[in-house]
Amino acid sequence: MNRDIVIVGGGIGGCALATRLATAGLEVTVLEREPVYRDMVRGEALMPWGYLEAVELGVADAILAADGMSVITRMVPYDEALSVETAQRLSSDLSSIVPGSPGVIGVGHPELREALAAAAAEAGAVVIRGVQRTLIEVGADPRVTYEVDGENHSLRCQLLVGADGKTSTTRAALGVTLFATHARVKISGMLVDDGGVWDRSVTTNAIDGRNQFIVIPREDNRLRLYVGRRTSDPTPIKGRTAVPEFLESYRTPIFPDHETLAESTPIGPCATFPMNDAWTSETVVPGAALIGDAAGWSNPVTAQGLSVTLRDARVLAEALLDNDEWNPQTLAGYAEERQGRMARLRFASALSDLLAGFGSPDRAARRARMRGALRENPELGAALGVVHSGPWSAPSDAFSADILTTFALA
């Protein structure tokens, strides 16, 4: 069978891209390994700039209709140096950052993939689940062979798109090299039922001692909780005690109702992964392109994953629809835009991490000095805004390496 596009990976990026291309009349097949989407402990906050990408792709309505979706309108900077009341007074409004976006969208990763797979199928794409033993051949005549329910199948296409995540077998088969920064922090995540005690309009990226916390609420009494610890921490969250230790870490007075929060009921796996950046040597090769985590990712500390993936899908879709021939030359715009975008997001993550001071033995004093530098020169922090408003919303001089040096030496 011949198709215009074959997408390996039926997650957020693969299905969003399929929806856009199928809507435009292209013949698209999506190959997904999982028969039923499962909790992978990742990707549950869509930044305001990412929501606009969803609008452009035509999948915003599907995202807003996903089961348990919440609209988060406030960021509260809970911290060991602040009382709960002070932190709440310092909250920022997420609903007014980007015109046309209601705020940060909180949505379960499995639920979001399900919603987007349905959108792709409704648009006319063929979505095949339970795919095994996928083999690809690229070049002038791309071909994919795979197995479903014990039967072998083969597809020819004009272009193959790898959208199969961080451990992408497509990337490996293409011989594309993945580069990654060294992780200073490992973060553990778990889905819990908190009985509704957490304010559903609030998210936070908080620090208390050895722990860094991220909280992403949903409307169905579910919370995605994260706890980060330095890779050098002598007692990482792992093994038999992982779940009780994970929850106990939330019994800290930096949070409102922390005693109740720490008694939340686990309803998903507890998984740990490194907090780092990664990028590929190439995102487009003859006969194939990579999107989403398969093409590299931004440090999860700033929750850019969903937005990055939707931007990938949108920019690549435009390049495909604007050109009759698909090759590294005609798709170079996608590769170049992604390279520049990800470099800016790496900078923003590094700046955010530096200013947070997590793990610094003299954190309070260092943060006071860095805040003083920001008061004197607010433009030094311009890159921080791209986390919510998008990587191209700040001028190029906001990403000068001298800025990181200034704060590192504070």
Protein backbone atom coordinates (compact mmCIF):
# COMPACT_ATOMS: atom_id res chain seq x y z
CA MET A 1 0.00 0.00 0.00
CA ASN A 2 1.26 3.48 -0.80
CA ARG A 3 0.73 6.44 1.53
CA ASP A 4 1.89 10.04 1.45
CA ILE A 5 3.12 9.98 5.06
CA VAL A 6 3.75 7.18 7.54
CA ILE A 7 4.21 8.31 11.14
CA VAL A 8 5.88 5.94 13.58
CA GLY A 9 4.48 6.84 16.99
CA GLY A 10 0.86 7.65 17.79
CA GLY A 11 1.47 10.02 20.68
CA ILE A 12 0.91 13.75 20.93
CA GLY A 13 3.17 14.80 18.05
CA GLY A 14 2.35 11.93 15.72
CA CYS A 15 -1.42 12.30 16.03
CA ALA A 16 -1.40 16.11 15.94
CA LEU A 17 0.67 16.04 12.75
CA ALA A 18 -1.59 13.36 11.27
CA THR A 19 -4.67 15.45 12.02
CA ARG A 20 -3.29 18.51 10.26
CA LEU A 21 -2.04 16.61 7.21
CA ALA A 22 -5.14 14.42 6.84
CA THR A 23 -7.35 17.50 7.11
CA ALA A 24 -5.39 18.94 4.18
CA GLY A 25 -6.12 15.84 2.12
CA LEU A 26 -2.91 13.83 2.46
CA GLU A 27 -3.01 10.07 2.99
CA VAL A 28 -1.52 9.43 6.41
CA THR A 29 -1.00 6.27 8.43
CA VAL A 30 0.02 6.33 12.10
CA LEU A 31 1.70 3.27 13.63
CA GLU A 32 1.42 3.05 17.42
CA ARG A 33 3.04 0.38 19.60
CA GLU A 34 0.62 0.56 22.54
CA PRO A 35 -2.83 -1.03 22.09
CA VAL A 36 -4.02 1.09 25.04
CA TYR A 37 -2.26 4.28 26.10
CA ARG A 38 -0.69 3.97 29.55
CA ASP A 39 0.60 6.38 32.18
CA MET A 40 4.19 7.24 31.26
CA VAL A 41 4.58 9.93 33.97
CA ARG A 42 5.27 12.85 31.66
CA GLY A 43 3.90 15.65 29.52
CA GLU A 44 0.82 16.96 31.35
CA ALA A 45 1.22 20.78 31.19
CA LEU A 46 0.62 22.64 27.94
CA MET A 47 2.07 26.15 28.14
CA PRO A 48 0.09 29.14 26.78
CA TRP A 49 2.30 29.38 23.68
CA GLY A 50 1.80 25.69 23.05
CA TYR A 51 -1.96 26.13 23.14
CA LEU A 52 -1.71 28.54 20.20
CA GLU A 53 0.21 25.85 18.30
CA ALA A 54 -2.70 23.50 19.00
CA VAL A 55 -5.11 26.08 17.59
CA GLU A 56 -3.06 26.36 14.39
CA LEU A 57 -2.96 22.56 14.05
CA GLY A 58 -6.73 22.30 14.51
CA VAL A 59 -6.50 20.13 17.65
CA ALA A 60 -7.25 22.68 20.38
CA ASP A 61 -10.87 21.57 20.72
CA ALA A 62 -9.79 17.94 21.08
CA ILE A 63 -7.35 18.93 23.84
CA LEU A 64 -9.95 20.96 25.72
CA ALA A 65 -12.37 18.02 25.49
CA ALA A 66 -9.85 15.51 26.89
CA ASP A 67 -11.01 13.69 30.01
CA GLY A 68 -10.02 15.48 33.24
CA MET A 69 -8.61 18.57 31.49
CA SER A 70 -8.07 21.62 33.69
CA VAL A 71 -7.27 25.26 32.94
CA ILE A 72 -4.57 26.52 35.31
CA THR A 73 -4.58 30.29 35.69
CA ARG A 74 -2.13 30.97 38.55
CA MET A 75 1.51 30.15 39.28
CA VAL A 76 2.22 30.35 43.03
CA PRO A 77 5.93 30.44 43.98
CA TYR A 78 5.74 28.27 47.11
CA ASP A 79 9.20 28.20 48.70
CA GLU A 80 11.03 27.43 51.91
CA ALA A 81 11.80 31.15 52.29
CA LEU A 82 8.13 32.21 52.09
CA SER A 83 5.01 31.70 54.14
CA VAL A 84 2.01 30.21 52.33
CA GLU A 85 0.24 33.56 52.50
CA THR A 86 3.20 35.47 51.07
CA ALA A 87 3.66 32.99 48.23
CA GLN A 88 -0.01 33.28 47.32
CA ARG A 89 0.21 37.08 47.28
CA LEU A 90 3.12 36.76 44.82
CA SER A 91 1.19 34.54 42.41
CA SER A 92 1.29 35.37 38.71
CA ASP A 93 -1.63 35.37 36.28
CA LEU A 94 -1.18 32.74 33.57
CA SER A 95 -4.40 33.59 31.73
CA SER A 96 -3.22 36.97 30.43
CA ILE A 97 0.29 36.10 29.23
CA VAL A 98 -0.59 35.09 25.67
CA PRO A 99 -3.68 36.56 23.97
CA GLY A 100 -5.98 33.77 22.86
CA SER A 101 -4.75 31.26 25.44
CA PRO A 102 -6.75 30.59 28.63
CA GLY A 103 -3.63 29.71 30.66
CA VAL A 104 -1.72 26.48 31.22
CA ILE A 105 -3.69 23.38 30.23
CA GLY A 106 -3.38 20.48 32.67
CA VAL A 107 -4.25 17.16 31.04
CA GLY A 108 -3.36 13.51 31.57
CA HIS A 109 -0.85 12.14 29.09
CA PRO A 110 -2.87 8.97 28.27
CA GLU A 111 -6.09 10.98 28.01
CA LEU A 112 -4.45 13.52 25.72
CA ARG A 113 -3.05 10.83 23.43
CA GLU A 114 -6.47 9.21 23.27
CA ALA A 115 -8.13 12.50 22.35
CA LEU A 116 -5.59 13.27 19.64
CA ALA A 117 -5.72 9.75 18.19
CA ALA A 118 -9.48 10.14 17.87
CA ALA A 119 -9.00 13.55 16.22
CA ALA A 120 -6.54 12.07 13.71
CA ALA A 121 -8.91 9.25 12.80
CA GLU A 122 -11.81 11.67 12.45
CA ALA A 123 -9.69 13.80 10.10
CA GLY A 124 -9.15 10.77 7.86
CA ALA A 125 -5.81 9.38 9.03
CA VAL A 126 -5.44 5.64 9.57
CA VAL A 127 -4.34 5.00 13.17
CA ILE A 128 -3.09 1.46 13.81
CA ARG A 129 -2.38 0.36 17.39
CA GLY A 130 -0.59 -2.67 18.76
CA VAL A 131 2.17 -2.45 16.16
CA GLN A 132 5.22 -4.67 16.71
CA ARG A 133 8.56 -5.31 14.98
CA THR A 134 8.67 -2.13 12.94
CA LEU A 135 11.45 -2.00 10.34
CA ILE A 136 12.12 1.04 8.18
CA GLU A 137 13.97 1.76 4.96
CA VAL A 138 14.50 5.36 3.92
CA GLY A 139 16.06 7.18 1.01
CA ALA A 140 14.44 7.58 -2.42
CA ASP A 141 11.80 4.93 -1.70
CA PRO A 142 10.84 4.90 2.02
CA ARG A 143 9.22 1.70 3.22
CA VAL A 144 7.92 0.48 6.59
CA THR A 145 7.21 -3.14 7.50
CA TYR A 146 5.49 -4.05 10.75
CA GLU A 147 3.47 -6.72 12.50
CA VAL A 148 -0.02 -6.51 13.98
CA ASP A 149 -1.71 -9.49 15.63
CA GLY A 150 0.90 -11.83 14.18
CA GLU A 151 0.42 -10.63 10.58
CA ASN A 152 3.08 -8.79 8.57
CA HIS A 153 2.30 -5.62 6.67
CA SER A 154 4.25 -3.24 4.43
CA LEU A 155 3.76 0.40 3.51
CA ARG A 156 5.53 2.60 0.99
CA CYS A 157 5.44 6.35 1.49
CA GLN A 158 6.92 9.61 0.31
CA LEU A 159 8.14 10.49 3.80
CA LEU A 160 8.45 8.67 7.10
CA VAL A 161 8.13 10.67 10.32
CA GLY A 162 9.63 9.39 13.57
CA ALA A 163 7.47 10.49 16.51
CA ASP A 164 8.24 7.61 18.84
CA GLY A 165 9.63 9.35 21.89
CA LYS A 166 12.86 9.65 23.83
CA THR A 167 14.02 6.09 23.16
CA SER A 168 13.06 6.36 19.48
CA THR A 169 13.82 3.23 17.49
CA THR A 170 13.22 5.29 14.35
CA ARG A 171 16.01 7.68 15.30
CA ALA A 172 18.34 4.75 15.93
CA ALA A 173 17.42 3.11 12.62
CA LEU A 174 18.17 6.36 10.80
CA GLY A 175 21.60 6.51 12.39
CA VAL A 176 20.89 9.95 13.87
CA THR A 177 23.03 10.80 16.90
CA LEU A 178 21.40 12.02 20.13
CA PHE A 179 23.34 14.42 22.36
CA ALA A 180 22.33 15.12 25.97
CA THR A 181 23.45 17.33 28.84
CA HIS A 182 24.44 15.83 32.16
CA ALA A 183 21.49 15.63 34.57
CA ARG A 184 22.04 17.45 37.86
CA VAL A 185 18.60 16.45 39.15
CA LYS A 186 16.42 13.38 38.87
CA ILE A 187 12.70 13.83 39.24
CA SER A 188 10.10 11.32 40.35
CA GLY A 189 6.46 11.66 39.33
CA MET A 190 3.20 10.03 40.41
CA LEU A 191 -0.51 10.51 39.79
CA VAL A 192 -2.57 10.81 42.97
CA ASP A 193 -6.12 11.44 44.10
CA ASP A 194 -6.00 14.31 46.60
CA GLY A 195 -9.76 14.50 47.16
CA GLY A 196 -9.79 18.01 45.70
CA VAL A 197 -7.75 19.67 48.46
CA TRP A 198 -5.38 21.39 46.01
CA ASP A 199 -6.67 24.53 44.27
CA ARG A 200 -7.30 23.41 40.66
CA SER A 201 -6.41 26.81 39.25
CA VAL A 202 -2.88 26.72 40.73
CA THR A 203 0.40 25.20 39.62
CA THR A 204 3.79 25.55 41.29
CA ASN A 205 7.47 24.85 40.88
CA ALA A 206 8.62 24.92 44.50
CA ILE A 207 11.70 24.16 46.58
CA ASP A 208 12.07 23.05 50.18
CA GLY A 209 15.46 21.78 51.30
CA ARG A 210 16.53 18.70 49.38
CA ASN A 211 13.26 18.54 47.40
CA GLN A 212 12.04 20.35 44.31
CA PHE A 213 8.29 20.09 43.67
CA ILE A 214 6.08 20.48 40.61
CA VAL A 215 2.31 20.22 40.92
CA ILE A 216 -0.04 19.96 37.91
CA PRO A 217 -3.74 19.70 38.82
CA ARG A 218 -6.61 18.17 36.89
CA GLU A 219 -10.35 18.57 37.28
CA ASP A 220 -11.10 15.01 38.38
CA ASN A 221 -9.50 15.13 41.87
CA ARG A 222 -6.25 14.00 40.30
CA LEU A 223 -2.88 15.66 40.71
CA ARG A 224 0.34 14.97 38.92
CA LEU A 225 2.95 15.41 41.62
CA TYR A 226 6.71 15.54 41.09
CA VAL A 227 9.61 15.46 43.51
CA GLY A 228 13.11 16.27 42.29
CA ARG A 229 16.36 15.49 44.11
CA ARG A 230 19.99 16.07 43.21
CA THR A 231 21.67 13.12 41.54
CA SER A 232 24.16 13.27 44.43
CA ASP A 233 21.41 12.92 47.06
CA PRO A 234 22.36 10.00 49.33
CA THR A 235 18.78 8.69 49.51
CA PRO A 236 17.05 8.94 46.12
CA ILE A 237 13.39 8.04 45.78
CA LYS A 238 13.45 4.43 44.65
CA GLY A 239 12.74 0.86 45.68
CA ARG A 240 10.10 -0.40 48.09
CA THR A 241 9.90 2.86 50.02
CA ALA A 242 9.54 5.07 46.94
CA VAL A 243 5.78 5.71 47.17
CA PRO A 244 5.52 6.47 50.91
CA GLU A 245 8.69 8.59 50.82
CA PHE A 246 7.42 10.43 47.76
CA LEU A 247 4.16 11.37 49.48
CA GLU A 248 5.83 12.14 52.80
CA SER A 249 7.99 14.75 51.11
CA TYR A 250 4.80 16.78 50.54
CA ARG A 251 4.26 17.03 54.28
CA THR A 252 5.95 20.41 54.34
CA PRO A 253 4.48 23.71 55.57
CA ILE A 254 5.44 25.50 52.36
CA PHE A 255 2.14 24.15 50.94
CA PRO A 256 -1.43 24.84 52.10
CA ASP A 257 -3.19 21.78 53.54
CA HIS A 258 0.10 19.89 53.38
CA GLU A 259 -0.96 17.26 55.93
CA THR A 260 -3.94 16.27 53.77
CA LEU A 261 -1.91 16.54 50.59
CA ALA A 262 0.63 14.06 51.94
CA GLU A 263 -2.20 11.57 52.55
CA SER A 264 -3.25 11.53 48.88
CA THR A 265 -4.04 8.15 47.33
CA PRO A 266 -1.59 6.89 44.68
CA ILE A 267 -3.43 5.99 41.46
CA GLY A 268 -0.51 5.63 39.05
CA PRO A 269 3.06 4.38 38.91
CA CYS A 270 5.94 6.21 40.55
CA ALA A 271 8.66 6.70 37.92
CA THR A 272 11.96 8.59 37.94
CA PHE A 273 13.81 10.19 35.03
CA PRO A 274 16.71 12.65 34.57
CA MET A 275 16.17 16.38 34.18
CA ASN A 276 18.28 17.22 31.16
CA ASP A 277 18.24 18.61 27.64
CA ALA A 278 18.83 16.53 24.51
CA TRP A 279 19.12 17.25 20.80
CA THR A 280 19.87 15.39 17.60
CA SER A 281 22.55 15.82 14.98
CA GLU A 282 19.84 15.92 12.28
CA THR A 283 16.06 16.26 12.32
CA VAL A 284 15.60 15.67 8.59
CA VAL A 285 17.38 13.04 6.48
CA PRO A 286 16.56 11.70 3.00
CA GLY A 287 13.15 10.05 3.27
CA ALA A 288 12.49 10.84 6.93
CA ALA A 289 12.02 13.51 9.61
CA LEU A 290 11.93 13.45 13.40
CA ILE A 291 9.57 15.34 15.71
CA GLY A 292 8.89 15.57 19.44
CA ASP A 293 11.15 13.77 21.88
CA ALA A 294 12.50 11.61 19.06
CA ALA A 295 14.26 14.77 17.86
CA GLY A 296 15.44 15.81 21.34
CA TRP A 297 13.80 17.53 24.28
CA SER A 298 13.92 20.49 26.63
CA ASN A 299 14.70 20.08 30.34
CA PRO A 300 11.37 19.05 31.93
CA VAL A 301 11.88 21.56 34.75
CA THR A 302 10.11 24.20 32.64
CA ALA A 303 7.45 21.82 31.27
CA GLN A 304 8.01 22.63 27.59
CA GLY A 305 7.54 19.11 26.20
CA LEU A 306 3.96 19.30 24.94
CA SER A 307 4.43 22.77 23.49
CA VAL A 308 7.65 21.80 21.73
CA THR A 309 6.01 18.73 20.23
CA LEU A 310 3.00 20.63 18.92
CA ARG A 311 5.26 23.31 17.46
CA ASP A 312 7.26 20.57 15.72
CA ALA A 313 4.09 19.16 14.22
CA ARG A 314 2.86 22.58 13.11
CA VAL A 315 6.12 23.77 11.52
CA LEU A 316 6.78 20.45 9.78
CA ALA A 317 3.18 20.30 8.52
CA GLU A 318 3.53 23.77 6.99
CA ALA A 319 6.77 22.77 5.28
CA LEU A 320 5.17 19.62 3.87
CA LEU A 321 2.08 21.42 2.63
CA ASP A 322 4.13 24.24 1.08
CA ASN A 323 6.36 21.95 -0.99
CA ASP A 324 5.66 19.35 -3.68
CA GLU A 325 8.91 17.52 -3.00
CA TRP A 326 9.99 16.47 0.48
CA ASN A 327 13.71 16.25 1.09
CA PRO A 328 16.30 17.76 3.46
CA GLN A 329 16.53 20.87 1.27
CA THR A 330 12.79 21.63 1.09
CA LEU A 331 12.32 20.80 4.79
CA ALA A 332 15.40 22.72 5.94
CA GLY A 333 13.21 25.49 7.36
CA TYR A 334 11.77 23.08 9.92
CA ALA A 335 15.20 21.82 10.94
CA GLU A 336 16.63 25.32 11.28
CA GLU A 337 13.65 26.69 13.21
CA ARG A 338 13.78 23.78 15.63
CA GLN A 339 17.50 24.15 16.20
CA GLY A 340 17.15 27.83 17.09
CA ARG A 341 14.03 27.25 19.17
CA MET A 342 15.55 24.47 21.25
CA ALA A 343 18.73 26.49 21.87
CA ARG A 344 16.59 29.30 23.29
CA LEU A 345 14.64 26.89 25.49
CA ARG A 346 17.87 25.32 26.77
CA PHE A 347 18.98 28.81 27.78
CA ALA A 348 15.65 29.56 29.48
CA SER A 349 15.80 26.28 31.42
CA ALA A 350 19.37 26.96 32.51
CA LEU A 351 18.46 30.47 33.62
CA SER A 352 15.38 29.25 35.52
CA ASP A 353 17.43 26.56 37.23
CA LEU A 354 20.19 28.99 38.13
CA LEU A 355 17.81 31.53 39.64
CA ALA A 356 15.96 28.83 41.60
CA GLY A 357 19.23 27.88 43.30
CA PHE A 358 18.09 24.34 44.00
CA GLY A 359 20.83 22.40 45.76
CA SER A 360 22.99 25.44 46.45
CA PRO A 361 24.39 25.34 50.01
CA ASP A 362 24.02 29.12 50.33
CA ARG A 363 20.73 29.32 48.44
CA ALA A 364 19.12 32.15 50.42
CA ALA A 365 22.10 34.47 50.10
CA ARG A 366 22.70 33.66 46.43
CA ARG A 367 19.07 34.19 45.52
CA ALA A 368 19.08 37.54 47.31
CA ARG A 369 22.09 38.64 45.26
CA MET A 370 20.55 37.41 42.01
CA ARG A 371 17.24 39.12 42.76
CA GLY A 372 19.17 42.30 43.41
CA ALA A 373 20.83 42.01 40.02
CA LEU A 374 17.40 41.52 38.39
CA ARG A 375 15.99 44.60 40.14
CA GLU A 376 18.88 46.68 38.82
CA ASN A 377 18.72 45.19 35.30
CA PRO A 378 15.31 43.57 34.62
CA GLU A 379 16.35 42.82 31.04
CA LEU A 380 18.69 40.13 32.40
CA GLY A 381 15.62 37.99 33.05
CA ALA A 382 13.85 38.53 29.73
CA ALA A 383 14.47 34.92 28.67
CA LEU A 384 12.42 33.66 31.61
CA GLY A 385 9.25 34.86 29.90
CA VAL A 386 9.64 32.47 26.97
CA VAL A 387 8.66 29.55 29.22
CA HIS A 388 5.06 30.71 28.98
CA SER A 389 5.02 33.05 25.99
CA GLY A 390 7.20 31.07 23.58
CA PRO A 391 10.86 30.91 22.53
CA TRP A 392 10.54 33.63 19.89
CA SER A 393 8.85 36.17 22.19
CA ALA A 394 12.14 37.62 23.54
CA PRO A 395 14.86 39.47 21.62
CA SER A 396 18.06 37.64 20.71
CA ASP A 397 20.17 39.58 23.23
CA ALA A 398 18.07 38.04 26.04
CA PHE A 399 19.96 34.80 25.38
CA SER A 400 23.50 36.04 25.80
CA ALA A 401 25.86 33.65 27.61
CA ASP A 402 27.06 36.66 29.63
CA ILE A 403 23.72 36.67 31.44
CA LEU A 404 24.26 33.15 32.77
CA THR A 405 27.78 34.11 33.79
CA THR A 406 26.48 37.17 35.65
CA PHE A 407 24.14 35.11 37.77
CA ALA A 408 26.55 32.20 38.22
CA LEU A 409 29.05 34.62 39.74
CA ALA A 410 26.51 36.45 41.91
